[in-house]
PDB file of N, CA and C in Angstrom:
ATOM      1  N   UNK A   1     -24.658  45.573  46.435  1.00  0.00           N
ATOM      2  CA  UNK A   1     -24.865  44.438  47.607  1.00  0.00           C
ATOM      3  C   UNK A   1     -26.224  43.808  47.672  1.00  0.00           C
ATOM      4  N   UNK A   2     -27.115  44.479  47.156  1.00  0.00           N
ATOM      5  CA  UNK A   2     -28.430  43.954  47.111  1.00  0.00           C
ATOM      6  C   UNK A   2     -28.555  42.783  45.945  1.00  0.00           C
ATOM      7  N   UNK A   3     -27.833  43.230  44.777  1.00  0.00           N
ATOM      8  CA  UNK A   3     -28.050  42.146  43.933  1.00  0.00           C
ATOM      9  C   UNK A   3     -27.347  40.726  44.347  1.00  0.00           C
ATOM     10  N   UNK A   4     -26.032  41.023  44.925  1.00  0.00           N
ATOM     11  CA  UNK A   4     -25.463  39.923  45.349  1.00  0.00           C
ATOM     12  C   UNK A   4     -26.106  38.993  46.496  1.00  0.00           C
ATOM     13  N   UNK A   5     -26.802  39.861  47.464  1.00  0.00           N
ATOM     14  CA  UNK A   5     -27.769  39.303  48.280  1.00  0.00           C
ATOM     15  C   UNK A   5     -28.760  38.603  47.617  1.00  0.00           C
ATOM     16  N   UNK A   6     -29.336  39.046  46.509  1.00  0.00           N
ATOM     17  CA  UNK A   6     -30.436  38.385  45.558  1.00  0.00           C
ATOM     18  C   UNK A   6     -29.932  37.049  45.204  1.00  0.00           C
ATOM     19  N   UNK A   7     -28.498  37.081  44.629  1.00  0.00           N
ATOM     20  CA  UNK A   7     -28.133  35.870  43.940  1.00  0.00           C
ATOM     21  C   UNK A   7     -27.686  34.819  44.869  1.00  0.00           C
ATOM     22  N   UNK A   8     -27.256  35.212  46.140  1.00  0.00           N
ATOM     23  CA  UNK A   8     -26.877  34.240  47.153  1.00  0.00           C
ATOM     24  C   UNK A   8     -28.341  33.478  47.463  1.00  0.00           C
ATOM     25  N   UNK A   9     -29.396  34.395  47.637  1.00  0.00           N
ATOM     26  CA  UNK A   9     -30.513  33.622  48.206  1.00  0.00           C
ATOM     27  C   UNK A   9     -31.029  32.750  47.020  1.00  0.00           C
ATOM     28  N   UNK A  10     -31.090  32.936  45.887  1.00  0.00           N
ATOM     29  CA  UNK A  10     -31.103  32.139  44.719  1.00  0.00           C
ATOM     30  C   UNK A  10     -30.530  30.835  44.820  1.00  0.00           C
ATOM     31  N   UNK A  11     -29.210  30.741  45.107  1.00  0.00           N
ATOM     32  CA  UNK A  11     -28.474  29.857  45.091  1.00  0.00           C
ATOM     33  C   UNK A  11     -28.803  28.795  46.352  1.00  0.00           C
ATOM     34  N   UNK A  12     -28.912  29.424  47.253  1.00  0.00           N
ATOM     35  CA  UNK A  12     -29.388  28.839  48.737  1.00  0.00           C
ATOM     36  C   UNK A  12     -30.811  28.078  48.240  1.00  0.00           C
ATOM     37  N   UNK A  13     -31.631  28.714  47.803  1.00  0.00           N
ATOM     38  CA  UNK A  13     -33.027  27.938  47.691  1.00  0.00           C
ATOM     39  C   UNK A  13     -32.975  26.900  46.549  1.00  0.00           C
ATOM     40  N   UNK A  14     -31.568  26.806  45.665  1.00  0.00           N
ATOM     41  CA  UNK A  14     -31.791  25.908  44.998  1.00  0.00           C
ATOM     42  C   UNK A  14     -31.000  24.558  45.435  1.00  0.00           C
ATOM     43  N   UNK A  15     -30.419  24.746  46.791  1.00  0.00           N
ATOM     44  CA  UNK A  15     -29.716  23.778  47.173  1.00  0.00           C
ATOM     45  C   UNK A  15     -30.060  22.496  47.677  1.00  0.00           C
ATOM     46  N   UNK A  16     -29.784  21.332  46.997  1.00  0.00           N
ATOM     47  CA  UNK A  16     -30.135  19.933  47.238  1.00  0.00           C
ATOM     48  C   UNK A  16     -29.810  19.534  48.823  1.00  0.00           C
ATOM     49  N   UNK A  17     -30.846  18.975  49.231  1.00  0.00           N
ATOM     50  CA  UNK A  17     -30.684  18.687  50.663  1.00  0.00           C
ATOM     51  C   UNK A  17     -30.321  17.193  50.813  1.00  0.00           C
ATOM     52  N   UNK A  18     -29.294  17.017  50.944  1.00  0.00           N
ATOM     53  CA  UNK A  18     -28.557  15.625  50.672  1.00  0.00           C
ATOM     54  C   UNK A  18     -28.980  14.691  51.914  1.00  0.00           C
ATOM     55  N   UNK A  19     -29.093  15.142  52.998  1.00  0.00           N
ATOM     56  CA  UNK A  19     -29.543  14.186  54.203  1.00  0.00           C
ATOM     57  C   UNK A  19     -31.242  13.878  53.670  1.00  0.00           C
ATOM     58  N   UNK A  20     -31.817  14.395  53.002  1.00  0.00           N
ATOM     59  CA  UNK A  20     -33.238  14.173  52.558  1.00  0.00           C
ATOM     60  C   UNK A  20     -33.158  12.964  51.295  1.00  0.00           C
ATOM     61  N   UNK A  21     -32.132  13.220  50.721  1.00  0.00           N
ATOM     62  CA  UNK A  21     -31.957  12.560  49.280  1.00  0.00           C
ATOM     63  C   UNK A  21     -31.532  11.001  50.066  1.00  0.00           C
ATOM     64  N   UNK A  22     -30.607  11.210  50.834  1.00  0.00           N
ATOM     65  CA  UNK A  22     -30.188   9.680  51.588  1.00  0.00           C
ATOM     66  C   UNK A  22     -31.323   9.009  52.327  1.00  0.00           C
ATOM     67  N   UNK A  23     -32.008   9.796  53.019  1.00  0.00           N
ATOM     68  CA  UNK A  23     -33.263   9.383  53.663  1.00  0.00           C
ATOM     69  C   UNK A  23     -34.077   8.769  52.748  1.00  0.00           C
ATOM     70  N   UNK A  24     -34.739   9.450  51.718  1.00  0.00           N
ATOM     71  CA  UNK A  24     -35.481   8.846  50.676  1.00  0.00           C
ATOM     72  C   UNK A  24     -34.998   7.469  49.997  1.00  0.00           C
ATOM     73  N   UNK A  25     -33.630   7.696  49.672  1.00  0.00           N
ATOM     74  CA  UNK A  25     -32.901   6.582  49.155  1.00  0.00           C
ATOM     75  C   UNK A  25     -33.126   5.486  49.827  1.00  0.00           C
ATOM     76  N   UNK A  26     -33.020   5.630  51.188  1.00  0.00           N
ATOM     77  CA  UNK A  26     -33.098   4.367  52.128  1.00  0.00           C
ATOM     78  C   UNK A  26     -34.375   3.746  52.048  1.00  0.00           C
ATOM     79  N   UNK A  27     -35.359   4.813  52.286  1.00  0.00           N
ATOM     80  CA  UNK A  27     -36.724   4.407  52.456  1.00  0.00           C
ATOM     81  C   UNK A  27     -37.499   3.667  51.016  1.00  0.00           C
ATOM     82  N   UNK A  28     -37.207   3.945  49.842  1.00  0.00           N
ATOM     83  CA  UNK A  28     -37.384   3.197  48.700  1.00  0.00           C
ATOM     84  C   UNK A  28     -36.392   1.933  48.205  1.00  0.00           C
ATOM     85  N   UNK A  29     -35.420   1.892  48.499  1.00  0.00           N
ATOM     86  CA  UNK A  29     -34.765   0.734  48.408  1.00  0.00           C
ATOM     87  C   UNK A  29     -34.943  -0.627  49.029  1.00  0.00           C
ATOM     88  N   UNK A  30     -35.430  -1.728  48.306  1.00  0.00           N
ATOM     89  CA  UNK A  30     -35.676  -2.926  49.063  1.00  0.00           C
ATOM     90  C   UNK A  30     -34.711  -3.253  49.937  1.00  0.00           C
ATOM     91  N   UNK A  31     -34.770  -3.908  50.912  1.00  0.00           N
ATOM     92  CA  UNK A  31     -33.865  -4.227  52.183  1.00  0.00           C
ATOM     93  C   UNK A  31     -32.625  -5.103  51.568  1.00  0.00           C
ATOM     94  N   UNK A  32     -33.448  -6.158  50.674  1.00  0.00           N
ATOM     95  CA  UNK A  32     -32.242  -7.183  50.278  1.00  0.00           C
ATOM     96  C   UNK A  32     -31.487  -6.540  48.993  1.00  0.00           C
ATOM     97  N   UNK A  33     -31.401  -5.212  48.515  1.00  0.00           N
ATOM     98  CA  UNK A  33     -30.775  -4.846  47.798  1.00  0.00           C
ATOM     99  C   UNK A  33     -29.416  -3.969  48.173  1.00  0.00           C
ATOM    100  N   UNK A  34     -28.158  -4.216  47.388  1.00  0.00           N
ATOM    101  CA  UNK A  34     -26.958  -3.841  48.201  1.00  0.00           C
ATOM    102  C   UNK A  34     -26.550  -2.729  46.934  1.00  0.00           C
ATOM    103  N   UNK A  35     -26.848  -1.580  47.291  1.00  0.00           N
ATOM    104  CA  UNK A  35     -26.007  -0.662  46.248  1.00  0.00           C
ATOM    105  C   UNK A  35     -24.636  -0.443  46.615  1.00  0.00           C
ATOM    106  N   UNK A  36     -23.619  -0.782  45.590  1.00  0.00           N
ATOM    107  CA  UNK A  36     -22.177  -0.717  45.969  1.00  0.00           C
ATOM    108  C   UNK A  36     -21.612   0.377  45.342  1.00  0.00           C
ATOM    109  N   UNK A  37     -22.197   1.363  44.438  1.00  0.00           N
ATOM    110  CA  UNK A  37     -21.480   2.550  44.230  1.00  0.00           C
ATOM    111  C   UNK A  37     -22.769   3.303  43.643  1.00  0.00           C
ATOM    112  N   UNK A  38     -22.683   4.634  43.815  1.00  0.00           N
ATOM    113  CA  UNK A  38     -23.555   5.660  43.507  1.00  0.00           C
ATOM    114  C   UNK A  38     -22.982   6.838  43.103  1.00  0.00           C
ATOM    115  N   UNK A  39     -22.885   7.212  41.975  1.00  0.00           N
ATOM    116  CA  UNK A  39     -22.166   8.611  41.447  1.00  0.00           C
ATOM    117  C   UNK A  39     -23.029   9.673  40.872  1.00  0.00           C
ATOM    118  N   UNK A  40     -23.237  10.858  41.213  1.00  0.00           N
ATOM    119  CA  UNK A  40     -23.912  11.611  40.811  1.00  0.00           C
ATOM    120  C   UNK A  40     -23.284  12.836  40.125  1.00  0.00           C
ATOM    121  N   UNK A  41     -23.496  13.357  39.074  1.00  0.00           N
ATOM    122  CA  UNK A  41     -23.298  14.347  38.336  1.00  0.00           C
ATOM    123  C   UNK A  41     -23.596  15.810  38.923  1.00  0.00           C
ATOM    124  N   UNK A  42     -23.210  16.976  38.589  1.00  0.00           N
ATOM    125  CA  UNK A  42     -23.669  18.151  38.712  1.00  0.00           C
ATOM    126  C   UNK A  42     -24.780  18.655  38.209  1.00  0.00           C
ATOM    127  N   UNK A  43     -25.096  17.966  37.000  1.00  0.00           N
ATOM    128  CA  UNK A  43     -26.432  18.093  36.267  1.00  0.00           C
ATOM    129  C   UNK A  43     -27.569  17.333  36.804  1.00  0.00           C
ATOM    130  N   UNK A  44     -27.184  16.438  37.830  1.00  0.00           N
ATOM    131  CA  UNK A  44     -28.374  15.533  38.538  1.00  0.00           C
ATOM    132  C   UNK A  44     -28.362  14.187  37.983  1.00  0.00           C
ATOM    133  N   UNK A  45     -27.889  13.963  36.927  1.00  0.00           N
ATOM    134  CA  UNK A  45     -27.612  12.393  36.418  1.00  0.00           C
ATOM    135  C   UNK A  45     -26.867  11.669  37.225  1.00  0.00           C
ATOM    136  N   UNK A  46     -27.363  10.355  37.617  1.00  0.00           N
ATOM    137  CA  UNK A  46     -26.721   9.491  38.461  1.00  0.00           C
ATOM    138  C   UNK A  46     -26.449   8.132  37.876  1.00  0.00           C
ATOM    139  N   UNK A  47     -25.698   7.354  38.299  1.00  0.00           N
ATOM    140  CA  UNK A  47     -25.606   6.076  38.126  1.00  0.00           C
ATOM    141  C   UNK A  47     -25.156   5.116  39.391  1.00  0.00           C
ATOM    142  N   UNK A  48     -26.207   4.028  39.544  1.00  0.00           N
ATOM    143  CA  UNK A  48     -25.736   2.889  40.682  1.00  0.00           C
ATOM    144  C   UNK A  48     -25.509   1.661  40.261  1.00  0.00           C
ATOM    145  N   UNK A  49     -24.882   1.002  40.918  1.00  0.00           N
ATOM    146  CA  UNK A  49     -24.296  -0.235  40.587  1.00  0.00           C
ATOM    147  C   UNK A  49     -24.496  -1.056  41.858  1.00  0.00           C
ATOM    148  N   UNK A  50     -24.785  -2.216  41.789  1.00  0.00           N
ATOM    149  CA  UNK A  50     -25.271  -3.080  42.950  1.00  0.00           C
ATOM    150  C   UNK A  50     -25.561  -4.576  42.752  1.00  0.00           C
ATOM    151  N   UNK A  51     -26.119  -5.219  43.865  1.00  0.00           N
ATOM    152  CA  UNK A  51     -26.853  -6.812  43.250  1.00  0.00           C
ATOM    153  C   UNK A  51     -27.775  -6.983  44.436  1.00  0.00           C
ATOM    154  N   UNK A  52     -28.574  -7.983  43.960  1.00  0.00           N
ATOM    155  CA  UNK A  52     -29.851  -8.239  44.430  1.00  0.00           C
ATOM    156  C   UNK A  52     -29.594  -9.998  44.363  1.00  0.00           C
ATOM    157  N   UNK A  53     -30.536 -10.480  45.526  1.00  0.00           N
ATOM    158  CA  UNK A  53     -30.494 -11.855  45.258  1.00  0.00           C
ATOM    159  C   UNK A  53     -31.281 -12.716  43.939  1.00  0.00           C
ATOM    160  N   UNK A  54     -32.142 -11.695  43.509  1.00  0.00           N
ATOM    161  CA  UNK A  54     -32.672 -12.552  42.275  1.00  0.00           C
ATOM    162  C   UNK A  54     -33.475 -11.262  41.187  1.00  0.00           C
ATOM    163  N   UNK A  55     -33.669 -11.817  40.216  1.00  0.00           N
ATOM    164  CA  UNK A  55     -34.258 -10.956  38.985  1.00  0.00           C
ATOM    165  C   UNK A  55     -35.352 -10.100  39.967  1.00  0.00           C
ATOM    166  N   UNK A  56     -36.175 -10.783  40.366  1.00  0.00           N
ATOM    167  CA  UNK A  56     -37.404 -10.644  40.969  1.00  0.00           C
ATOM    168  C   UNK A  56     -37.155  -9.167  41.778  1.00  0.00           C
ATOM    169  N   UNK A  57     -36.084  -9.290  42.788  1.00  0.00           N
ATOM    170  CA  UNK A  57     -35.984  -8.374  43.592  1.00  0.00           C
ATOM    171  C   UNK A  57     -35.233  -7.110  42.744  1.00  0.00           C
ATOM    172  N   UNK A  58     -34.582  -7.121  41.657  1.00  0.00           N
ATOM    173  CA  UNK A  58     -34.147  -6.211  40.893  1.00  0.00           C
ATOM    174  C   UNK A  58     -35.340  -5.360  40.200  1.00  0.00           C
ATOM    175  N   UNK A  59     -36.549  -6.375  39.935  1.00  0.00           N
ATOM    176  CA  UNK A  59     -37.719  -5.519  39.430  1.00  0.00           C
ATOM    177  C   UNK A  59     -38.300  -4.619  40.607  1.00  0.00           C
ATOM    178  N   UNK A  60     -38.550  -5.148  41.554  1.00  0.00           N
ATOM    179  CA  UNK A  60     -38.816  -4.308  42.818  1.00  0.00           C
ATOM    180  C   UNK A  60     -38.193  -2.877  42.943  1.00  0.00           C
ATOM    181  N   UNK A  61     -36.863  -3.303  42.918  1.00  0.00           N
ATOM    182  CA  UNK A  61     -35.911  -1.994  42.939  1.00  0.00           C
ATOM    183  C   UNK A  61     -36.252  -1.043  41.926  1.00  0.00           C
ATOM    184  N   UNK A  62     -36.308  -1.595  40.577  1.00  0.00           N
ATOM    185  CA  UNK A  62     -36.790  -0.611  39.788  1.00  0.00           C
ATOM    186  C   UNK A  62     -38.216   0.181  39.621  1.00  0.00           C
ATOM    187  N   UNK A  63     -39.301  -0.598  40.045  1.00  0.00           N
ATOM    188  CA  UNK A  63     -40.353   0.116  40.208  1.00  0.00           C
ATOM    189  C   UNK A  63     -40.462   1.213  41.416  1.00  0.00           C
ATOM    190  N   UNK A  64     -39.838   0.536  42.589  1.00  0.00           N
ATOM    191  CA  UNK A  64     -39.699   1.437  43.636  1.00  0.00           C
ATOM    192  C   UNK A  64     -38.965   2.799  43.420  1.00  0.00           C
ATOM    193  N   UNK A  65     -37.731   2.571  42.820  1.00  0.00           N
ATOM    194  CA  UNK A  65     -36.870   3.860  42.233  1.00  0.00           C
ATOM    195  C   UNK A  65     -37.758   4.787  41.205  1.00  0.00           C
ATOM    196  N   UNK A  66     -38.439   4.069  40.268  1.00  0.00           N
ATOM    197  CA  UNK A  66     -39.107   5.112  39.505  1.00  0.00           C
ATOM    198  C   UNK A  66     -40.380   5.730  40.077  1.00  0.00           C
ATOM    199  N   UNK A  67     -41.149   5.013  40.762  1.00  0.00           N
ATOM    200  CA  UNK A  67     -42.381   5.453  41.304  1.00  0.00           C
ATOM    201  C   UNK A  67     -42.669   5.729  42.652  1.00  0.00           C
ATOM    202  N   UNK A  68     -41.508   5.506  43.478  1.00  0.00           N
ATOM    203  CA  UNK A  68     -41.573   5.353  44.778  1.00  0.00           C
ATOM    204  C   UNK A  68     -42.633   4.503  45.222  1.00  0.00           C
ATOM    205  N   UNK A  69     -43.049   4.488  46.771  1.00  0.00           N
ATOM    206  CA  UNK A  69     -43.835   3.796  47.412  1.00  0.00           C
ATOM    207  C   UNK A  69     -45.287   4.642  47.922  1.00  0.00           C
ATOM    208  N   UNK A  70     -46.347   3.865  48.228  1.00  0.00           N
ATOM    209  CA  UNK A  70     -47.195   4.818  48.528  1.00  0.00           C
ATOM    210  C   UNK A  70     -47.110   5.490  49.808  1.00  0.00           C
ATOM    211  N   UNK A  71     -46.299   5.519  50.389  1.00  0.00           N
ATOM    212  CA  UNK A  71     -46.202   6.464  51.790  1.00  0.00           C
ATOM    213  C   UNK A  71     -44.665   7.203  51.537  1.00  0.00           C
ATOM    214  N   UNK A  72     -43.913   6.991  50.421  1.00  0.00           N
ATOM    215  CA  UNK A  72     -42.581   7.661  50.099  1.00  0.00           C
ATOM    216  C   UNK A  72     -42.418   7.921  48.753  1.00  0.00           C
ATOM    217  N   UNK A  73     -42.030   9.154  48.256  1.00  0.00           N
ATOM    218  CA  UNK A  73     -41.640   9.598  46.998  1.00  0.00           C
ATOM    219  C   UNK A  73     -40.454   9.297  46.556  1.00  0.00           C
ATOM    220  N   UNK A  74     -40.165   8.892  45.476  1.00  0.00           N
ATOM    221  CA  UNK A  74     -38.656   8.671  45.094  1.00  0.00           C
ATOM    222  C   UNK A  74     -38.084   9.477  44.832  1.00  0.00           C
ATOM    223  N   UNK A  75     -36.709   9.763  45.101  1.00  0.00           N
ATOM    224  CA  UNK A  75     -35.751  10.768  45.047  1.00  0.00           C
ATOM    225  C   UNK A  75     -35.327  10.880  43.419  1.00  0.00           C
ATOM    226  N   UNK A  76     -35.688   9.814  42.548  1.00  0.00           N
ATOM    227  CA  UNK A  76     -34.918   9.679  41.304  1.00  0.00           C
ATOM    228  C   UNK A  76     -36.408   9.847  40.126  1.00  0.00           C
ATOM    229  N   UNK A  77     -36.032  10.175  38.898  1.00  0.00           N
ATOM    230  CA  UNK A  77     -36.905   9.975  37.878  1.00  0.00           C
ATOM    231  C   UNK A  77     -36.151   9.450  36.678  1.00  0.00           C
ATOM    232  N   UNK A  78     -36.601   9.217  35.584  1.00  0.00           N
ATOM    233  CA  UNK A  78     -36.223   8.369  34.472  1.00  0.00           C
ATOM    234  C   UNK A  78     -35.248   7.430  34.640  1.00  0.00           C
ATOM    235  N   UNK A  79     -35.504   6.422  35.621  1.00  0.00           N
ATOM    236  CA  UNK A  79     -34.568   5.727  35.977  1.00  0.00           C
ATOM    237  C   UNK A  79     -34.684   4.357  35.042  1.00  0.00           C
ATOM    238  N   UNK A  80     -33.448   4.004  34.572  1.00  0.00           N
ATOM    239  CA  UNK A  80     -32.984   3.243  33.446  1.00  0.00           C
ATOM    240  C   UNK A  80     -32.224   2.243  33.928  1.00  0.00           C
ATOM    241  N   UNK A  81     -32.698   0.755  33.579  1.00  0.00           N
ATOM    242  CA  UNK A  81     -31.883  -0.350  33.926  1.00  0.00           C
ATOM    243  C   UNK A  81     -30.881  -0.255  32.697  1.00  0.00           C
ATOM    244  N   UNK A  82     -29.528  -0.156  32.915  1.00  0.00           N
ATOM    245  CA  UNK A  82     -28.365  -0.258  31.909  1.00  0.00           C
ATOM    246  C   UNK A  82     -27.885  -1.654  31.699  1.00  0.00           C
ATOM    247  N   UNK A  83     -27.716  -2.412  32.516  1.00  0.00           N
ATOM    248  CA  UNK A  83     -27.041  -3.842  32.554  1.00  0.00           C
ATOM    249  C   UNK A  83     -27.428  -4.785  33.827  1.00  0.00           C
ATOM    250  N   UNK A  84     -27.340  -5.930  33.465  1.00  0.00           N
ATOM    251  CA  UNK A  84     -27.807  -6.845  34.563  1.00  0.00           C
ATOM    252  C   UNK A  84     -26.992  -8.184  34.184  1.00  0.00           C
ATOM    253  N   UNK A  85     -26.847  -8.743  35.086  1.00  0.00           N
ATOM    254  CA  UNK A  85     -25.769 -10.349  35.142  1.00  0.00           C
ATOM    255  C   UNK A  85     -25.850 -10.957  36.105  1.00  0.00           C
ATOM    256  N   UNK A  86     -25.117 -11.827  36.197  1.00  0.00           N
ATOM    257  CA  UNK A  86     -24.825 -12.805  37.395  1.00  0.00           C
ATOM    258  C   UNK A  86     -23.257 -12.729  37.788  1.00  0.00           C
ATOM    259  N   UNK A  87     -23.130 -13.061  39.250  1.00  0.00           N
ATOM    260  CA  UNK A  87     -22.006 -12.842  39.912  1.00  0.00           C
ATOM    261  C   UNK A  87     -21.929 -13.761  40.731  1.00  0.00           C
ATOM    262  N   UNK A  88     -20.653 -14.264  41.428  1.00  0.00           N
ATOM    263  CA  UNK A  88     -20.501 -14.935  42.627  1.00  0.00           C
ATOM    264  C   UNK A  88     -19.960 -13.884  43.643  1.00  0.00           C
ATOM    265  N   UNK A  89     -20.624 -13.898  44.820  1.00  0.00           N
ATOM    266  CA  UNK A  89     -20.221 -12.840  45.977  1.00  0.00           C
ATOM    267  C   UNK A  89     -20.419 -13.680  47.234  1.00  0.00           C
ATOM    268  N   UNK A  90     -19.169 -14.051  47.819  1.00  0.00           N
ATOM    269  CA  UNK A  90     -19.033 -14.855  49.044  1.00  0.00           C
ATOM    270  C   UNK A  90     -19.602 -15.959  48.749  1.00  0.00           C
ATOM    271  N   UNK A  91     -19.511 -16.663  47.783  1.00  0.00           N
ATOM    272  CA  UNK A  91     -20.058 -18.226  47.459  1.00  0.00           C
ATOM    273  C   UNK A  91     -21.557 -18.028  47.229  1.00  0.00           C
ATOM    274  N   UNK A  92     -22.058 -17.233  47.047  1.00  0.00           N
ATOM    275  CA  UNK A  92     -23.617 -17.067  46.577  1.00  0.00           C
ATOM    276  C   UNK A  92     -23.697 -16.454  44.891  1.00  0.00           C
ATOM    277  N   UNK A  93     -24.548 -16.918  44.396  1.00  0.00           N
ATOM    278  CA  UNK A  93     -24.976 -16.295  43.007  1.00  0.00           C
ATOM    279  C   UNK A  93     -25.872 -15.149  43.209  1.00  0.00           C
ATOM    280  N   UNK A  94     -25.505 -13.931  42.676  1.00  0.00           N
ATOM    281  CA  UNK A  94     -26.316 -12.791  42.827  1.00  0.00           C
ATOM    282  C   UNK A  94     -26.605 -11.998  41.618  1.00  0.00           C
ATOM    283  N   UNK A  95     -27.562 -11.266  41.366  1.00  0.00           N
ATOM    284  CA  UNK A  95     -27.662 -10.517  40.257  1.00  0.00           C
ATOM    285  C   UNK A  95     -27.063  -9.215  40.398  1.00  0.00           C
ATOM    286  N   UNK A  96     -26.334  -8.924  39.570  1.00  0.00           N
ATOM    287  CA  UNK A  96     -25.815  -7.515  39.741  1.00  0.00           C
ATOM    288  C   UNK A  96     -26.551  -6.885  38.394  1.00  0.00           C
ATOM    289  N   UNK A  97     -26.371  -5.331  38.931  1.00  0.00           N
ATOM    290  CA  UNK A  97     -27.105  -4.441  38.015  1.00  0.00           C
ATOM    291  C   UNK A  97     -26.300  -3.138  37.914  1.00  0.00           C
ATOM    292  N   UNK A  98     -26.683  -2.408  36.771  1.00  0.00           N
ATOM    293  CA  UNK A  98     -26.150  -1.004  36.709  1.00  0.00           C
ATOM    294  C   UNK A  98     -27.616  -0.137  36.345  1.00  0.00           C
ATOM    295  N   UNK A  99     -27.787   0.948  36.820  1.00  0.00           N
ATOM    296  CA  UNK A  99     -29.132   1.686  36.672  1.00  0.00           C
ATOM    297  C   UNK A  99     -28.598   3.110  36.585  1.00  0.00           C
ATOM    298  N   UNK A 100     -29.261   3.791  35.781  1.00  0.00           N
ATOM    299  CA  UNK A 100     -28.941   5.355  35.491  1.00  0.00           C
ATOM    300  C   UNK A 100     -30.311   6.075  35.690  1.00  0.00           C
ATOM    301  N   UNK A 101     -30.149   7.334  35.691  1.00  0.00           N
ATOM    302  CA  UNK A 101     -31.319   8.536  35.576  1.00  0.00           C
ATOM    303  C   UNK A 101     -30.905   9.752  35.933  1.00  0.00           C
ATOM    304  N   UNK A 102     -31.948  10.332  36.483  1.00  0.00           N
ATOM    305  CA  UNK A 102     -31.863  11.523  37.079  1.00  0.00           C
ATOM    306  C   UNK A 102     -32.325  12.070  38.525  1.00  0.00           C
ATOM    307  N   UNK A 103     -31.765  12.747  39.455  1.00  0.00           N
ATOM    308  CA  UNK A 103     -32.139  13.058  40.555  1.00  0.00           C
ATOM    309  C   UNK A 103     -33.193  13.936  40.556  1.00  0.00           C
ATOM    310  N   UNK A 104     -34.329  13.662  41.319  1.00  0.00           N
ATOM    311  CA  UNK A 104     -35.575  14.484  41.204  1.00  0.00           C
ATOM    312  C   UNK A 104     -35.204  15.964  42.322  1.00  0.00           C
ATOM    313  N   UNK A 105     -34.074  16.622  41.874  1.00  0.00           N
ATOM    314  CA  UNK A 105     -33.775  18.097  42.622  1.00  0.00           C
ATOM    315  C   UNK A 105     -34.804  18.718  43.109  1.00  0.00           C
ATOM    316  N   UNK A 106     -35.860  19.181  42.395  1.00  0.00           N
ATOM    317  CA  UNK A 106     -36.798  19.685  43.042  1.00  0.00           C
ATOM    318  C   UNK A 106     -37.516  19.271  44.224  1.00  0.00           C
ATOM    319  N   UNK A 107     -37.841  18.004  44.180  1.00  0.00           N
ATOM    320  CA  UNK A 107     -38.271  17.268  45.612  1.00  0.00           C
ATOM    321  C   UNK A 107     -37.515  17.541  46.539  1.00  0.00           C
ATOM    322  N   UNK A 108     -36.176  17.458  46.269  1.00  0.00           N
ATOM    323  CA  UNK A 108     -35.352  17.460  47.599  1.00  0.00           C
ATOM    324  C   UNK A 108     -34.980  19.037  48.145  1.00  0.00           C
ATOM    325  N   UNK A 109     -35.491  19.859  47.359  1.00  0.00           N
ATOM    326  CA  UNK A 109     -35.261  21.338  47.800  1.00  0.00           C
ATOM    327  C   UNK A 109     -36.178  21.801  49.015  1.00  0.00           C
ATOM    328  N   UNK A 110     -37.419  20.985  48.936  1.00  0.00           N
ATOM    329  CA  UNK A 110     -38.405  21.278  49.784  1.00  0.00           C
ATOM    330  C   UNK A 110     -38.486  21.235  51.375  1.00  0.00           C
TER     331      UNK A 110
END
């Protein structure tokens, strides 16, 4: 019973606090960026797709997701731009993007 309790305590201590993840994601994502899909693997790898009004806005997103902001840490590490292009959304030309990387799970457990 004690060994099972120790294992349970270990699992619970490694549990990701998803509410904290989404709070940090919202805080570091620029307001004019629209994330349309986000998938997260059990390993902590993620892939996000979305759109922004300009390439400059995409650059701001990448910097914020990689390094965070002065007052907020990013929930991500090793952020990589996979692809970007242009698309027409609602009659407006937008920059579409695909980004991947890892979730910094250790910072989400605290």
